[in-house]
Protein backbone atom coordinates (compact mmCIF):
# COMPACT_ATOMS: atom_id res chain seq x y z
CA MET A 1 34.61 67.69 0.26
CA PRO A 2 34.09 63.97 -0.38
CA GLU A 3 30.73 62.51 -0.56
CA LEU A 4 28.84 59.13 -0.63
CA ARG A 5 25.36 58.70 -2.08
CA VAL A 6 22.89 56.17 -0.63
CA ASP A 7 19.81 55.21 -2.66
CA VAL A 8 16.95 54.81 -0.16
CA SER A 9 14.03 54.60 -2.57
CA ASP A 10 12.88 51.19 -1.26
CA LEU A 11 12.46 52.58 2.31
CA LYS A 12 9.97 55.30 1.24
CA SER A 13 7.16 52.77 1.31
CA GLU A 14 8.05 51.82 4.88
CA SER A 15 7.45 55.10 6.58
CA GLY A 16 7.92 58.76 5.67
CA ASP A 17 9.86 59.52 8.83
CA LEU A 18 12.36 56.58 8.35
CA ILE A 19 14.52 58.58 5.94
CA LYS A 20 14.67 61.50 8.24
CA GLU A 21 15.54 59.14 11.12
CA LEU A 22 18.27 57.61 9.01
CA ALA A 23 19.78 60.95 8.26
CA ILE A 24 19.77 61.95 11.98
CA PHE A 25 21.23 58.62 12.95
CA LEU A 26 24.04 59.01 10.39
CA GLU A 27 24.79 62.55 11.54
CA GLU A 28 25.11 61.44 15.08
CA LYS A 29 27.05 58.22 14.67
CA ALA A 30 29.49 59.26 11.78
CA ASN A 31 29.87 63.00 12.50
CA VAL A 32 29.05 63.81 8.87
CA LYS A 33 26.88 66.35 7.14
CA VAL A 34 23.78 64.68 5.50
CA GLU A 35 21.54 65.95 2.76
CA THR A 36 18.33 64.24 1.75
CA THR A 37 16.55 64.29 -1.55
CA ALA A 38 13.46 62.36 -2.78
CA ASN A 39 15.24 58.92 -3.33
CA GLU A 40 18.72 59.66 -1.99
CA ILE A 41 20.79 60.55 1.07
CA ILE A 42 24.03 62.39 0.44
CA VAL A 43 26.80 61.94 3.10
CA LYS A 44 29.52 64.60 3.13
CA GLY A 45 32.53 64.15 5.23
CA GLU A 46 33.99 67.31 6.81
CA GLU A 47 37.74 66.76 6.50
CA GLU A 48 38.28 63.16 5.73
CA ALA A 49 35.76 61.00 3.95
CA ILE A 50 33.81 58.30 5.75
CA SER A 51 34.77 54.93 4.21
CA ARG A 52 32.00 53.03 2.23
CA LYS A 53 32.55 49.98 4.50
CA CYS A 54 31.93 52.02 7.69
CA LEU A 55 28.84 53.66 6.17
CA ARG A 56 27.61 50.31 5.05
CA ALA A 57 27.93 48.96 8.57
CA LEU A 58 26.05 51.99 9.92
CA LEU A 59 23.22 51.51 7.55
CA LYS A 60 22.92 47.80 8.47
CA ASP A 61 22.84 48.74 12.14
CA PHE A 62 20.10 51.25 11.47
CA LEU A 63 17.99 48.74 9.64
CA GLN A 64 18.32 46.23 12.50
CA LYS A 65 17.53 48.92 15.08
CA VAL A 66 14.31 50.03 13.45
CA GLY A 67 13.38 46.35 12.60
CA VAL A 68 13.35 46.54 8.73
CA LYS A 69 14.51 43.49 6.99
CA GLY A 70 16.76 44.47 4.19
CA LYS A 71 20.16 44.58 2.61
CA VAL A 72 22.83 47.23 1.85
CA LYS A 73 24.40 46.69 -1.61
CA LYS A 74 27.15 48.29 -3.44
CA GLY A 75 26.03 50.58 -6.22
CA LYS A 76 27.97 52.27 -9.06
CA GLY A 77 31.10 54.12 -8.11
CA LYS A 78 30.95 54.94 -4.34
CA ASN A 79 27.20 54.65 -4.12
CA LEU A 80 25.28 52.30 -1.83
CA ILE A 81 21.81 50.92 -2.28
CA VAL A 82 19.41 50.02 0.60
CA THR A 83 16.96 47.35 -0.45
CA LYS A 84 14.03 46.16 1.60
CA SER A 85 13.47 42.43 1.66
CA LYS A 86 10.28 41.06 0.14
CA GLY A 87 10.30 38.16 2.64
CA LYS A 88 10.34 34.43 2.06
CA PRO A 89 8.65 33.27 -1.18
CA ILE A 90 5.65 31.02 -1.28
CA PHE A 91 6.33 27.78 -3.08
CA CYS A 92 3.17 26.52 -4.76
CA GLY A 93 2.44 22.82 -4.70
CA SER A 94 -0.26 20.72 -6.29
CA SER A 95 -2.02 20.28 -2.83
CA GLY A 96 -3.22 23.85 -2.96
CA GLU A 97 -1.90 24.72 0.63
CA TRP A 98 -0.21 27.75 -0.90
CA LYS A 99 -3.55 29.48 -1.20
CA VAL A 100 -4.02 29.52 2.54
CA GLU A 101 -0.52 30.89 3.15
CA LEU A 102 -1.06 33.56 0.43
CA GLU A 103 -4.19 34.74 2.11
CA GLN A 104 -2.45 35.01 5.46
CA ARG A 105 0.48 36.80 3.99
CA LEU A 106 -1.69 39.39 2.02
CA GLN A 107 -3.08 40.51 5.46
CA LYS A 108 0.35 41.71 6.66
CA ASP A 109 2.78 42.04 3.75
CA ALA A 110 2.71 44.53 0.98
CA GLU A 111 4.46 42.51 -1.79
CA ILE A 112 4.61 38.65 -1.97
CA VAL A 113 6.66 36.44 -4.26
CA VAL A 114 5.03 33.31 -5.50
CA LEU A 115 7.03 30.44 -7.10
CA ALA A 116 5.67 27.52 -9.13
CA LEU A 117 6.90 24.60 -11.22
CA GLY A 118 5.25 22.25 -13.76
CA ASP A 119 1.46 22.20 -14.26
CA VAL A 120 0.91 24.10 -11.02
CA LYS A 121 2.04 27.32 -12.64
CA TYR A 122 -1.21 27.34 -14.68
CA GLU A 123 -3.31 26.94 -11.65
CA VAL A 124 -1.39 29.83 -9.95
CA LEU A 125 -1.69 32.09 -12.90
CA ALA A 126 -5.53 31.42 -13.07
CA TYR A 127 -5.90 32.08 -9.40
CA LEU A 128 -4.00 35.32 -9.53
CA ASN A 129 -5.79 36.52 -12.56
CA LYS A 130 -9.21 35.58 -11.14
CA ARG A 131 -8.56 37.74 -8.04
CA LYS A 132 -9.64 41.38 -8.56
CA ASP A 133 -8.38 42.46 -5.11
CA MET A 134 -4.78 41.48 -6.11
CA GLU A 135 -2.40 43.00 -8.70
CA ILE A 136 0.56 41.08 -10.41
CA LEU A 137 3.48 43.53 -10.29
CA LYS A 138 6.09 41.37 -11.98
CA LEU A 139 5.89 37.98 -13.75
CA GLU A 140 8.92 35.98 -14.78
CA THR A 141 9.37 32.61 -16.41
CA ARG A 142 12.51 30.62 -16.53
CA GLN A 143 13.58 27.23 -18.02
CA MET A 144 14.83 25.21 -15.07
CA LYS A 145 18.36 23.75 -15.04
CA LYS A 146 16.97 20.21 -14.88
CA ARG A 147 15.03 20.10 -18.03
CA ASP A 148 12.58 17.48 -16.63
CA LYS A 149 11.30 20.15 -14.17
CA GLY A 150 10.10 22.36 -17.10
CA THR A 151 9.54 25.95 -16.88
CA GLY A 152 9.31 27.92 -13.62
CA LEU A 153 7.06 30.79 -12.81
CA LYS A 154 7.88 33.69 -10.42
CA ALA A 155 5.19 36.32 -9.71
CA THR A 156 5.28 39.32 -7.45
CA VAL A 157 1.82 40.29 -6.21
CA GLU A 158 0.36 42.90 -3.87
CA VAL A 159 -3.23 43.78 -2.66
CA ALA A 160 -4.64 45.92 -5.31
CA HIS A 161 -6.14 48.75 -3.12
CA ASN A 162 -2.65 49.84 -2.41
CA ARG A 163 -2.55 51.42 -5.92
CA ASN A 164 -4.97 53.69 -7.74
CA HIS A 165 -6.04 51.33 -10.37
CA PRO A 166 -9.21 51.62 -12.55
CA GLN A 167 -10.27 47.99 -11.65
CA ASN A 168 -10.23 48.78 -7.86
CA LYS A 169 -12.57 51.78 -8.06
CA PRO A 170 -16.14 51.07 -6.51
CA SER A 171 -18.80 50.76 -9.06
CA ASN A 172 -21.87 52.99 -8.78
CA GLY A 173 -23.78 50.63 -11.15
CA SER A 174 -23.70 53.05 -14.19
CA ASP A 175 -21.33 50.81 -16.10
CA LEU A 176 -23.77 47.85 -16.22
């Protein structure tokens, strides 16, 4: 019995029922047997295998139907990977308008990508480091193709109360 595997680990943060809904959707639309594990959906064809191209189209249709912005990428072998989009990055300029946009996006988005060039990257790092309610998940630097632009900074941040972090626990005053 041929099978295809779909990595859905990115969708776990969206909703617990979303993966179950996806499994039901695939069973109905493709007439296949579906098994779910913690991070994966295994699609098994009865007689003939469902093509990866057809499965990819069904996955894209499901993401659009439930309103999740994301992509379906090819994985190793016959696997597919569903990735959730992190949204449009915030480009940081010297005017400081990016701080207002960051505050607005922190209210509704889980993860936000911040990009900065030149001397602004130091201001961005200082601002992110100073904020105790925000956690830097990923930090990357890269030399830009045009050398006069210098080094670029890419930071992925989220509101810190989403994770169980020692900095975010309320203080009872005993640690003073």
